C-alpha atoms as a PDB file:
ATOM      1  CA  MET A   1      15.277  11.572  29.769  1.00  0.00           C
ATOM      2  CA  ARG A   2      16.428  15.149  29.695  1.00  0.00           C
ATOM      3  CA  CYS A   3      15.685  15.535  33.410  1.00  0.00           C
ATOM      4  CA  LYS A   4      17.952  12.641  34.288  1.00  0.00           C
ATOM      5  CA  SER A   5      20.776  14.069  32.182  1.00  0.00           C
ATOM      6  CA  ASN A   6      20.518  17.378  34.065  1.00  0.00           C
ATOM      7  CA  GLN A   7      20.488  15.533  37.321  1.00  0.00           C
ATOM      8  CA  LYS A   8      23.666  13.677  36.339  1.00  0.00           C
ATOM      9  CA  LYS A   9      25.325  16.910  35.385  1.00  0.00           C
ATOM     10  CA  ALA A  10      24.302  18.546  38.692  1.00  0.00           C
ATOM     11  CA  SER A  11      25.497  15.521  40.653  1.00  0.00           C
ATOM     12  CA  PHE A  12      28.815  15.495  38.768  1.00  0.00           C
ATOM     13  CA  ALA A  13      29.316  19.236  39.306  1.00  0.00           C
ATOM     14  CA  ALA A  14      28.661  18.906  43.026  1.00  0.00           C
ATOM     15  CA  ASN A  15      31.289  16.179  43.281  1.00  0.00           C
ATOM     16  CA  SER A  16      33.855  17.646  40.847  1.00  0.00           C
ATOM     17  CA  PRO A  17      37.516  17.854  41.985  1.00  0.00           C
ATOM     18  CA  MET A  18      37.302  21.646  41.967  1.00  0.00           C
ATOM     19  CA  THR A  19      34.399  21.542  44.453  1.00  0.00           C
ATOM     20  CA  VAL A  20      36.126  18.974  46.667  1.00  0.00           C
ATOM     21  CA  ASP A  21      39.318  20.983  46.598  1.00  0.00           C
ATOM     22  CA  LEU A  22      37.469  24.163  47.556  1.00  0.00           C
ATOM     23  CA  GLN A  23      35.750  22.377  50.406  1.00  0.00           C
ATOM     24  CA  GLN A  24      39.104  21.100  51.674  1.00  0.00           C
ATOM     25  CA  GLN A  25      40.577  24.587  51.415  1.00  0.00           C
ATOM     26  CA  PHE A  26      37.581  25.978  53.272  1.00  0.00           C
ATOM     27  CA  GLU A  27      37.900  23.415  56.065  1.00  0.00           C
ATOM     28  CA  GLN A  28      41.657  24.175  56.342  1.00  0.00           C
ATOM     29  CA  ALA A  29      40.884  27.936  56.533  1.00  0.00           C
ATOM     30  CA  VAL A  30      38.363  27.316  59.295  1.00  0.00           C
ATOM     31  CA  SER A  31      40.980  25.384  61.226  1.00  0.00           C
ATOM     32  CA  ASP A  32      43.560  28.112  60.565  1.00  0.00           C
ATOM     33  CA  SER A  33      41.214  30.856  61.708  1.00  0.00           C
ATOM     34  CA  LYS A  34      41.201  29.265  65.141  1.00  0.00           C
ATOM     35  CA  SER A  35      44.977  29.601  65.596  1.00  0.00           C
ATOM     36  CA  LEU A  36      45.692  33.093  64.264  1.00  0.00           C
ATOM     37  CA  SER A  37      48.682  34.732  65.875  1.00  0.00           C
ATOM     38  CA  GLU A  38      46.593  37.898  66.606  1.00  0.00           C
ATOM     39  CA  LYS A  39      42.937  38.207  67.462  1.00  0.00           C
ATOM     40  CA  PRO A  40      41.104  39.927  64.540  1.00  0.00           C
ATOM     41  CA  SER A  41      39.027  43.082  65.117  1.00  0.00           C
ATOM     42  CA  ASN A  42      35.323  42.684  65.931  1.00  0.00           C
ATOM     43  CA  GLU A  43      34.453  43.807  62.426  1.00  0.00           C
ATOM     44  CA  THR A  44      36.731  41.115  60.907  1.00  0.00           C
ATOM     45  CA  LEU A  45      35.304  38.530  63.290  1.00  0.00           C
ATOM     46  CA  LEU A  46      31.802  39.454  62.101  1.00  0.00           C
ATOM     47  CA  GLN A  47      32.909  39.085  58.509  1.00  0.00           C
ATOM     48  CA  LEU A  48      34.414  35.658  59.217  1.00  0.00           C
ATOM     49  CA  TYR A  49      31.268  34.593  61.033  1.00  0.00           C
ATOM     50  CA  SER A  50      28.872  35.793  58.283  1.00  0.00           C
ATOM     51  CA  LEU A  51      30.908  34.167  55.487  1.00  0.00           C
ATOM     52  CA  TYR A  52      31.128  30.930  57.482  1.00  0.00           C
ATOM     53  CA  LYS A  53      27.371  30.819  58.111  1.00  0.00           C
ATOM     54  CA  GLN A  54      26.603  31.596  54.454  1.00  0.00           C
ATOM     55  CA  ALA A  55      29.029  28.942  53.301  1.00  0.00           C
ATOM     56  CA  THR A  56      27.640  26.277  55.682  1.00  0.00           C
ATOM     57  CA  GLU A  57      23.947  27.133  56.043  1.00  0.00           C
ATOM     58  CA  GLY A  58      23.082  29.452  53.193  1.00  0.00           C
ATOM     59  CA  ASP A  59      20.826  32.498  53.569  1.00  0.00           C
ATOM     60  CA  VAL A  60      20.003  33.739  57.094  1.00  0.00           C
ATOM     61  CA  ASN A  61      17.040  31.976  58.708  1.00  0.00           C
ATOM     62  CA  GLY A  62      15.019  32.494  61.844  1.00  0.00           C
ATOM     63  CA  ASP A  63      13.836  35.630  63.451  1.00  0.00           C
ATOM     64  CA  ALA A  64      16.098  38.572  64.195  1.00  0.00           C
ATOM     65  CA  PRO A  65      17.278  38.789  67.756  1.00  0.00           C
ATOM     66  CA  THR A  66      15.978  41.552  70.006  1.00  0.00           C
ATOM     67  CA  MET A  67      17.717  44.884  69.873  1.00  0.00           C
ATOM     68  CA  PHE A  68      18.899  44.333  73.432  1.00  0.00           C
ATOM     69  CA  ASP A  69      21.101  41.408  72.490  1.00  0.00           C
ATOM     70  CA  PHE A  70      23.761  43.448  70.755  1.00  0.00           C
ATOM     71  CA  VAL A  71      26.147  40.614  69.934  1.00  0.00           C
ATOM     72  CA  ALA A  72      23.477  38.344  68.454  1.00  0.00           C
ATOM     73  CA  LYS A  73      21.972  41.298  66.514  1.00  0.00           C
ATOM     74  CA  ALA A  74      25.377  42.196  65.006  1.00  0.00           C
ATOM     75  CA  LYS A  75      25.953  38.604  63.971  1.00  0.00           C
ATOM     76  CA  TYR A  76      22.468  38.344  62.466  1.00  0.00           C
ATOM     77  CA  GLU A  77      22.903  41.585  60.506  1.00  0.00           C
ATOM     78  CA  ALA A  78      26.359  40.560  59.251  1.00  0.00           C
ATOM     79  CA  TRP A  79      24.919  37.235  58.030  1.00  0.00           C
ATOM     80  CA  THR A  80      21.979  38.980  56.475  1.00  0.00           C
ATOM     81  CA  ALA A  81      24.337  41.124  54.433  1.00  0.00           C
ATOM     82  CA  GLN A  82      25.611  37.956  52.749  1.00  0.00           C
ATOM     83  CA  LYS A  83      22.163  37.022  51.600  1.00  0.00           C
ATOM     84  CA  GLY A  84      22.054  35.504  48.076  1.00  0.00           C
ATOM     85  CA  LYS A  85      25.787  34.778  47.952  1.00  0.00           C
ATOM     86  CA  ALA A  86      26.545  31.310  46.621  1.00  0.00           C
ATOM     87  CA  LYS A  87      28.161  28.712  48.962  1.00  0.00           C
ATOM     88  CA  ASP A  88      31.335  28.570  46.750  1.00  0.00           C
ATOM     89  CA  ALA A  89      31.665  32.332  46.690  1.00  0.00           C
ATOM     90  CA  ALA A  90      31.267  32.514  50.476  1.00  0.00           C
ATOM     91  CA  GLN A  91      33.903  29.760  50.953  1.00  0.00           C
ATOM     92  CA  GLU A  92      36.325  31.526  48.578  1.00  0.00           C
ATOM     93  CA  GLU A  93      35.946  34.868  50.393  1.00  0.00           C
ATOM     94  CA  TYR A  94      36.456  33.150  53.757  1.00  0.00           C
ATOM     95  CA  ILE A  95      39.608  31.398  52.544  1.00  0.00           C
ATOM     96  CA  GLN A  96      41.007  34.718  51.157  1.00  0.00           C
ATOM     97  CA  LEU A  97      40.239  36.593  54.391  1.00  0.00           C
ATOM     98  CA  VAL A  98      41.914  33.965  56.553  1.00  0.00           C
ATOM     99  CA  GLN A  99      45.000  33.897  54.248  1.00  0.00           C
ATOM    100  CA  LYS A 100      45.129  37.716  54.584  1.00  0.00           C
ATOM    101  CA  LEU A 101      44.911  37.454  58.360  1.00  0.00           C
ATOM    102  CA  LYS A 102      47.665  34.862  58.469  1.00  0.00           C
ATOM    103  CA  SER A 103      50.172  37.011  56.560  1.00  0.00           C
END
């Protein structure tokens, strides 16, 4: 019985209006990030990338790229720096960063 109650709570929390609203805001921020008036710096692009990956896929997976693939290595390391961050937290940070870039 207790297990089912906890499952219901988890299911409810995953579908709460706050979670849906955050997901919609995140999707809007992803869309907005593609039409910024100025191209962000490479450092900011890596931050956007790593937050996006953490929000959509969770902790980094797979093997690290070779040291000769500088771009892939930088992306991998940026994503690795987000390890352990919750999906919601990554989405919120992504949204805030995009809003900052838009202003």
